[in-house]
C-alpha atoms as a PDB file:
ATOM      1  CA  UNK A   1     -32.987 -12.155  -3.297  1.00  0.00           C
ATOM      2  CA  UNK A   2     -31.808  -8.650  -3.156  1.00  0.00           C
ATOM      3  CA  UNK A   3     -34.263  -5.714  -3.199  1.00  0.00           C
ATOM      4  CA  UNK A   4     -33.376  -3.763  -6.026  1.00  0.00           C
ATOM      5  CA  UNK A   5     -35.496  -0.769  -4.772  1.00  0.00           C
ATOM      6  CA  UNK A   6     -33.713  -0.687  -1.422  1.00  0.00           C
ATOM      7  CA  UNK A   7     -31.648   2.413  -0.059  1.00  0.00           C
ATOM      8  CA  UNK A   8     -28.782   1.835   0.362  1.00  0.00           C
ATOM      9  CA  UNK A   9     -28.277  -0.244  -2.409  1.00  0.00           C
ATOM     10  CA  UNK A  10     -26.675  -3.558  -1.849  1.00  0.00           C
ATOM     11  CA  UNK A  11     -23.438  -3.993  -3.897  1.00  0.00           C
ATOM     12  CA  UNK A  12     -23.213  -6.968  -6.363  1.00  0.00           C
ATOM     13  CA  UNK A  13     -21.420  -9.768  -4.473  1.00  0.00           C
ATOM     14  CA  UNK A  14     -17.507  -9.317  -4.581  1.00  0.00           C
ATOM     15  CA  UNK A  15     -17.621  -5.823  -5.950  1.00  0.00           C
ATOM     16  CA  UNK A  16     -17.618  -3.616  -3.084  1.00  0.00           C
ATOM     17  CA  UNK A  17     -14.488  -1.648  -1.848  1.00  0.00           C
ATOM     18  CA  UNK A  18     -13.106  -3.477   1.105  1.00  0.00           C
ATOM     19  CA  UNK A  19     -11.984  -0.259   3.053  1.00  0.00           C
ATOM     20  CA  UNK A  20     -14.048   1.734   5.523  1.00  0.00           C
ATOM     21  CA  UNK A  21     -15.366   4.950   4.212  1.00  0.00           C
ATOM     22  CA  UNK A  22     -13.977   6.607   7.399  1.00  0.00           C
ATOM     23  CA  UNK A  23     -11.244   5.392   9.582  1.00  0.00           C
ATOM     24  CA  UNK A  24     -10.888   5.737  13.361  1.00  0.00           C
ATOM     25  CA  UNK A  25      -7.833   7.914  13.221  1.00  0.00           C
ATOM     26  CA  UNK A  26      -9.910  10.186  10.808  1.00  0.00           C
ATOM     27  CA  UNK A  27     -12.928  10.201  13.314  1.00  0.00           C
ATOM     28  CA  UNK A  28     -10.316  11.076  16.098  1.00  0.00           C
ATOM     29  CA  UNK A  29      -8.899  13.971  13.879  1.00  0.00           C
ATOM     30  CA  UNK A  30     -12.297  15.443  13.017  1.00  0.00           C
ATOM     31  CA  UNK A  31     -13.961  15.109  16.454  1.00  0.00           C
ATOM     32  CA  UNK A  32     -11.323  15.216  18.969  1.00  0.00           C
ATOM     33  CA  UNK A  33     -12.964  12.232  20.504  1.00  0.00           C
ATOM     34  CA  UNK A  34     -10.275  10.339  22.435  1.00  0.00           C
ATOM     35  CA  UNK A  35     -12.584   8.533  24.818  1.00  0.00           C
ATOM     36  CA  UNK A  36     -14.228   6.196  22.475  1.00  0.00           C
ATOM     37  CA  UNK A  37     -12.604   3.002  21.787  1.00  0.00           C
ATOM     38  CA  UNK A  38     -11.919   1.668  17.972  1.00  0.00           C
ATOM     39  CA  UNK A  39     -14.614  -1.424  18.674  1.00  0.00           C
ATOM     40  CA  UNK A  40     -17.226   1.195  19.779  1.00  0.00           C
ATOM     41  CA  UNK A  41     -16.640   3.319  16.774  1.00  0.00           C
ATOM     42  CA  UNK A  42     -16.986   0.358  14.217  1.00  0.00           C
ATOM     43  CA  UNK A  43     -20.369   0.016  15.623  1.00  0.00           C
ATOM     44  CA  UNK A  44     -21.225   3.554  15.638  1.00  0.00           C
ATOM     45  CA  UNK A  45     -20.049   3.757  12.023  1.00  0.00           C
ATOM     46  CA  UNK A  46     -22.500   0.944  10.862  1.00  0.00           C
ATOM     47  CA  UNK A  47     -25.256   2.756  12.679  1.00  0.00           C
ATOM     48  CA  UNK A  48     -24.116   6.245  11.396  1.00  0.00           C
ATOM     49  CA  UNK A  49     -24.042   4.920   7.457  1.00  0.00           C
ATOM     50  CA  UNK A  50     -27.397   3.482   7.725  1.00  0.00           C
ATOM     51  CA  UNK A  51     -29.267   6.249   9.189  1.00  0.00           C
ATOM     52  CA  UNK A  52     -27.338   8.895   6.870  1.00  0.00           C
ATOM     53  CA  UNK A  53     -27.918   6.772   3.526  1.00  0.00           C
ATOM     54  CA  UNK A  54     -31.477   6.456   4.308  1.00  0.00           C
ATOM     55  CA  UNK A  55     -31.964  10.179   4.973  1.00  0.00           C
ATOM     56  CA  UNK A  56     -29.854  11.355   1.926  1.00  0.00           C
ATOM     57  CA  UNK A  57     -31.591   8.494  -0.265  1.00  0.00           C
ATOM     58  CA  UNK A  58     -27.974   7.798  -1.276  1.00  0.00           C
ATOM     59  CA  UNK A  59     -25.642   4.854  -1.525  1.00  0.00           C
ATOM     60  CA  UNK A  60     -21.933   5.738  -0.273  1.00  0.00           C
ATOM     61  CA  UNK A  61     -19.610   2.914  -1.069  1.00  0.00           C
ATOM     62  CA  UNK A  62     -17.764   2.444  -4.293  1.00  0.00           C
ATOM     63  CA  UNK A  63     -19.187  -0.971  -5.773  1.00  0.00           C
ATOM     64  CA  UNK A  64     -21.081  -2.359  -8.630  1.00  0.00           C
ATOM     65  CA  UNK A  65     -24.722  -2.041  -8.166  1.00  0.00           C
ATOM     66  CA  UNK A  66     -28.052  -3.222  -9.927  1.00  0.00           C
ATOM     67  CA  UNK A  67     -31.063  -0.845  -8.970  1.00  0.00           C
ATOM     68  CA  UNK A  68     -34.538  -0.116 -10.154  1.00  0.00           C
ATOM     69  CA  UNK A  69     -34.618   3.309 -11.123  1.00  0.00           C
ATOM     70  CA  UNK A  70     -37.443   5.857 -12.293  1.00  0.00           C
ATOM     71  CA  UNK A  71     -36.926   6.870 -15.914  1.00  0.00           C
ATOM     72  CA  UNK A  72     -37.403  10.740 -16.079  1.00  0.00           C
ATOM     73  CA  UNK A  73     -38.505  12.354 -19.079  1.00  0.00           C
ATOM     74  CA  UNK A  74     -35.577  13.502 -20.440  1.00  0.00           C
ATOM     75  CA  UNK A  75     -34.540   9.553 -20.710  1.00  0.00           C
ATOM     76  CA  UNK A  76     -32.432   9.501 -17.741  1.00  0.00           C
ATOM     77  CA  UNK A  77     -32.167   7.545 -14.530  1.00  0.00           C
ATOM     78  CA  UNK A  78     -30.460   8.878 -11.565  1.00  0.00           C
ATOM     79  CA  UNK A  79     -28.678   6.206  -9.447  1.00  0.00           C
ATOM     80  CA  UNK A  80     -28.065   6.345  -5.644  1.00  0.00           C
ATOM     81  CA  UNK A  81     -24.213   5.676  -5.618  1.00  0.00           C
ATOM     82  CA  UNK A  82     -22.393   8.563  -7.033  1.00  0.00           C
ATOM     83  CA  UNK A  83     -20.066   9.729  -8.610  1.00  0.00           C
ATOM     84  CA  UNK A  84     -20.618   7.192 -11.550  1.00  0.00           C
ATOM     85  CA  UNK A  85     -17.573   5.283 -12.826  1.00  0.00           C
ATOM     86  CA  UNK A  86     -17.583   5.968 -16.525  1.00  0.00           C
ATOM     87  CA  UNK A  87     -14.476   3.446 -16.994  1.00  0.00           C
ATOM     88  CA  UNK A  88     -17.190   0.629 -16.130  1.00  0.00           C
ATOM     89  CA  UNK A  89     -19.695  -0.627 -18.544  1.00  0.00           C
ATOM     90  CA  UNK A  90     -23.457   0.463 -17.592  1.00  0.00           C
ATOM     91  CA  UNK A  91     -26.729  -1.012 -18.768  1.00  0.00           C
ATOM     92  CA  UNK A  92     -29.979  -2.489 -18.119  1.00  0.00           C
ATOM     93  CA  UNK A  93     -30.158  -5.986 -16.384  1.00  0.00           C
ATOM     94  CA  UNK A  94     -33.501  -6.819 -17.443  1.00  0.00           C
ATOM     95  CA  UNK A  95     -32.706  -7.259 -21.110  1.00  0.00           C
ATOM     96  CA  UNK A  96     -34.914 -10.193 -22.664  1.00  0.00           C
ATOM     97  CA  UNK A  97     -31.862 -11.965 -23.903  1.00  0.00           C
ATOM     98  CA  UNK A  98     -29.546 -11.074 -20.820  1.00  0.00           C
ATOM     99  CA  UNK A  99     -27.245  -8.796 -22.501  1.00  0.00           C
ATOM    100  CA  UNK A 100     -26.015  -5.711 -21.142  1.00  0.00           C
ATOM    101  CA  UNK A 101     -26.339  -2.611 -23.429  1.00  0.00           C
ATOM    102  CA  UNK A 102     -23.851   0.497 -22.909  1.00  0.00           C
ATOM    103  CA  UNK A 103     -25.392   3.640 -22.120  1.00  0.00           C
ATOM    104  CA  UNK A 104     -24.147   7.297 -21.734  1.00  0.00           C
ATOM    105  CA  UNK A 105     -23.214   8.497 -18.476  1.00  0.00           C
ATOM    106  CA  UNK A 106     -24.055  12.179 -18.260  1.00  0.00           C
ATOM    107  CA  UNK A 107     -23.101  13.739 -14.791  1.00  0.00           C
ATOM    108  CA  UNK A 108     -24.931  11.916 -11.977  1.00  0.00           C
ATOM    109  CA  UNK A 109     -27.400  10.282 -14.527  1.00  0.00           C
ATOM    110  CA  UNK A 110     -27.417   7.761 -17.051  1.00  0.00           C
ATOM    111  CA  UNK A 111     -29.352   8.123 -20.145  1.00  0.00           C
ATOM    112  CA  UNK A 112     -31.418   5.087 -21.122  1.00  0.00           C
ATOM    113  CA  UNK A 113     -33.657   6.525 -23.561  1.00  0.00           C
ATOM    114  CA  UNK A 114     -37.556   7.330 -23.245  1.00  0.00           C
ATOM    115  CA  UNK A 115     -39.435   4.425 -21.973  1.00  0.00           C
ATOM    116  CA  UNK A 116     -43.218   4.929 -22.514  1.00  0.00           C
ATOM    117  CA  UNK A 117     -45.850   2.011 -21.876  1.00  0.00           C
ATOM    118  CA  UNK A 118     -47.406   3.111 -25.088  1.00  0.00           C
ATOM    119  CA  UNK A 119     -44.695   3.974 -27.423  1.00  0.00           C
ATOM    120  CA  UNK A 120     -47.072   4.861 -30.330  1.00  0.00           C
ATOM    121  CA  UNK A 121     -48.524   7.673 -28.407  1.00  0.00           C
ATOM    122  CA  UNK A 122     -46.593  10.790 -26.797  1.00  0.00           C
ATOM    123  CA  UNK A 123     -45.711  11.006 -23.223  1.00  0.00           C
ATOM    124  CA  UNK A 124     -48.646  13.091 -21.100  1.00  0.00           C
ATOM    125  CA  UNK A 125     -48.104  14.641 -17.783  1.00  0.00           C
ATOM    126  CA  UNK A 126     -50.671  12.126 -16.536  1.00  0.00           C
ATOM    127  CA  UNK A 127     -49.015   8.905 -17.537  1.00  0.00           C
ATOM    128  CA  UNK A 128     -46.567   7.265 -15.230  1.00  0.00           C
ATOM    129  CA  UNK A 129     -43.262   6.608 -16.629  1.00  0.00           C
ATOM    130  CA  UNK A 130     -41.733   3.095 -16.327  1.00  0.00           C
ATOM    131  CA  UNK A 131     -38.579   1.996 -14.143  1.00  0.00           C
ATOM    132  CA  UNK A 132     -35.810   0.121 -15.378  1.00  0.00           C
ATOM    133  CA  UNK A 133     -33.046  -2.233 -13.560  1.00  0.00           C
ATOM    134  CA  UNK A 134     -29.724  -0.585 -14.293  1.00  0.00           C
ATOM    135  CA  UNK A 135     -26.403  -2.014 -13.516  1.00  0.00           C
ATOM    136  CA  UNK A 136     -23.473   0.431 -13.145  1.00  0.00           C
ATOM    137  CA  UNK A 137     -20.441   1.069 -10.900  1.00  0.00           C
ATOM    138  CA  UNK A 138     -20.250   4.039  -8.449  1.00  0.00           C
ATOM    139  CA  UNK A 139     -19.933   5.486  -4.963  1.00  0.00           C
ATOM    140  CA  UNK A 140     -16.765   6.656  -2.838  1.00  0.00           C
ATOM    141  CA  UNK A 141     -13.836   5.181  -1.660  1.00  0.00           C
ATOM    142  CA  UNK A 142     -11.911   5.947   1.582  1.00  0.00           C
ATOM    143  CA  UNK A 143      -9.842   8.112  -0.844  1.00  0.00           C
ATOM    144  CA  UNK A 144     -12.361   9.636  -2.691  1.00  0.00           C
ATOM    145  CA  UNK A 145     -14.941  10.584  -0.165  1.00  0.00           C
ATOM    146  CA  UNK A 146     -15.339  14.515   0.060  1.00  0.00           C
ATOM    147  CA  UNK A 147     -14.360  15.847   3.006  1.00  0.00           C
ATOM    148  CA  UNK A 148     -17.694  17.436   4.058  1.00  0.00           C
ATOM    149  CA  UNK A 149     -19.170  13.969   3.818  1.00  0.00           C
ATOM    150  CA  UNK A 150     -16.561  12.378   6.011  1.00  0.00           C
ATOM    151  CA  UNK A 151     -17.278  15.069   8.511  1.00  0.00           C
ATOM    152  CA  UNK A 152     -21.213  14.595   8.457  1.00  0.00           C
ATOM    153  CA  UNK A 153     -20.388  10.650   9.045  1.00  0.00           C
ATOM    154  CA  UNK A 154     -17.884  11.635  11.903  1.00  0.00           C
ATOM    155  CA  UNK A 155     -20.130  13.974  13.542  1.00  0.00           C
ATOM    156  CA  UNK A 156     -23.200  11.355  13.515  1.00  0.00           C
ATOM    157  CA  UNK A 157     -20.787   8.802  14.987  1.00  0.00           C
ATOM    158  CA  UNK A 158     -19.861  11.359  17.616  1.00  0.00           C
ATOM    159  CA  UNK A 159     -23.285  11.609  18.497  1.00  0.00           C
ATOM    160  CA  UNK A 160     -24.128   8.136  18.627  1.00  0.00           C
ATOM    161  CA  UNK A 161     -21.174   7.509  20.951  1.00  0.00           C
ATOM    162  CA  UNK A 162     -21.820  10.633  23.231  1.00  0.00           C
ATOM    163  CA  UNK A 163     -25.545  10.677  23.885  1.00  0.00           C
ATOM    164  CA  UNK A 164     -25.179  12.714  27.065  1.00  0.00           C
ATOM    165  CA  UNK A 165     -24.317  15.746  24.742  1.00  0.00           C
ATOM    166  CA  UNK A 166     -27.861  15.468  23.370  1.00  0.00           C
ATOM    167  CA  UNK A 167     -30.635  17.667  24.752  1.00  0.00           C
ATOM    168  CA  UNK A 168     -32.573  16.001  27.409  1.00  0.00           C
ATOM    169  CA  UNK A 169     -29.873  13.388  27.952  1.00  0.00           C
ATOM    170  CA  UNK A 170     -28.951  11.249  29.686  1.00  0.00           C
ATOM    171  CA  UNK A 171     -32.290   9.854  30.885  1.00  0.00           C
ATOM    172  CA  UNK A 172     -34.398  10.414  27.899  1.00  0.00           C
ATOM    173  CA  UNK A 173     -36.198   7.568  26.044  1.00  0.00           C
ATOM    174  CA  UNK A 174     -33.890   7.880  22.985  1.00  0.00           C
ATOM    175  CA  UNK A 175     -30.854   6.594  24.985  1.00  0.00           C
ATOM    176  CA  UNK A 176     -29.669   3.171  25.813  1.00  0.00           C
ATOM    177  CA  UNK A 177     -26.429   1.640  27.004  1.00  0.00           C
ATOM    178  CA  UNK A 178     -25.824  -2.034  26.691  1.00  0.00           C
ATOM    179  CA  UNK A 179     -22.285  -3.512  27.740  1.00  0.00           C
ATOM    180  CA  UNK A 180     -20.927  -0.225  28.009  1.00  0.00           C
ATOM    181  CA  UNK A 181     -21.760   0.794  24.628  1.00  0.00           C
ATOM    182  CA  UNK A 182     -24.216   3.792  24.103  1.00  0.00           C
ATOM    183  CA  UNK A 183     -26.647   3.906  21.365  1.00  0.00           C
ATOM    184  CA  UNK A 184     -28.924   6.989  21.255  1.00  0.00           C
ATOM    185  CA  UNK A 185     -31.524   8.685  19.456  1.00  0.00           C
ATOM    186  CA  UNK A 186     -32.186   9.007  15.795  1.00  0.00           C
ATOM    187  CA  UNK A 187     -30.825  11.260  13.123  1.00  0.00           C
ATOM    188  CA  UNK A 188     -33.385  13.848  13.508  1.00  0.00           C
ATOM    189  CA  UNK A 189     -32.355  14.168  17.120  1.00  0.00           C
ATOM    190  CA  UNK A 190     -28.799  14.609  16.167  1.00  0.00           C
ATOM    191  CA  UNK A 191     -29.850  17.497  13.441  1.00  0.00           C
ATOM    192  CA  UNK A 192     -31.772  19.192  16.128  1.00  0.00           C
ATOM    193  CA  UNK A 193     -28.700  19.397  18.346  1.00  0.00           C
ATOM    194  CA  UNK A 194     -26.443  20.690  15.728  1.00  0.00           C
ATOM    195  CA  UNK A 195     -27.466  23.050  13.005  1.00  0.00           C
ATOM    196  CA  UNK A 196     -24.398  22.557  10.706  1.00  0.00           C
ATOM    197  CA  UNK A 197     -24.980  19.017  10.571  1.00  0.00           C
ATOM    198  CA  UNK A 198     -28.610  19.532   9.370  1.00  0.00           C
ATOM    199  CA  UNK A 199     -27.480  21.668   6.776  1.00  0.00           C
ATOM    200  CA  UNK A 200     -24.688  19.803   5.487  1.00  0.00           C
ATOM    201  CA  UNK A 201     -27.186  16.676   5.334  1.00  0.00           C
ATOM    202  CA  UNK A 202     -29.397  18.850   3.290  1.00  0.00           C
ATOM    203  CA  UNK A 203     -26.890  19.733   0.699  1.00  0.00           C
ATOM    204  CA  UNK A 204     -25.841  16.048   0.240  1.00  0.00           C
ATOM    205  CA  UNK A 205     -29.683  14.794  -0.031  1.00  0.00           C
ATOM    206  CA  UNK A 206     -30.130  13.063  -3.439  1.00  0.00           C
ATOM    207  CA  UNK A 207     -33.220  15.115  -4.652  1.00  0.00           C
ATOM    208  CA  UNK A 208     -33.908  12.807  -7.821  1.00  0.00           C
ATOM    209  CA  UNK A 209     -35.176   9.778  -5.902  1.00  0.00           C
ATOM    210  CA  UNK A 210     -38.407   8.656  -7.260  1.00  0.00           C
ATOM    211  CA  UNK A 211     -40.375   5.558  -6.355  1.00  0.00           C
ATOM    212  CA  UNK A 212     -42.562   3.263  -8.795  1.00  0.00           C
ATOM    213  CA  UNK A 213     -45.673   4.948  -7.703  1.00  0.00           C
ATOM    214  CA  UNK A 214     -44.301   8.690  -8.363  1.00  0.00           C
END
């Protein structure tokens, strides 16, 4: 069963864009890395996307998603896969009769209306608003991904493929080579070595992520 609270979100079956967000050729253009193989890049890309999406609280790939989202006091939810596709239907997946109700996309949010456990009373600051399961389409494709985000992904791949460039490497506990494929560190070590990468990741981090307990 799909965890609708997980980041990155899991696409609804059959809806995900089939093209990689970053091609090997684009990676080489950005990083000028001509030593790494395309096979090693593919593995590094999977790791880079996983680390970055968790760090940024975002989902990158364009697809249809069902997410359990915190309802803010302005009546909006903020999906993890943006930009949102206004040409596709949106709505909750938890309606009692199973129907999808259309709601209004407003920027990076979807207006679903106020949800209050006690609708006869006003929402007080000490009350915890509910969450709702929302079905929507959003995310980036290979052609719509912003150049800066593509460079963030490429730079992270470069660190994974070139662990000797990390401070204290090689020989540190954060680096291992298996079958000629080098995997190293975590995202925090990459950002510590690359100030611009750290700043760019901060700019793309989703600040509106809230959990059920928030």
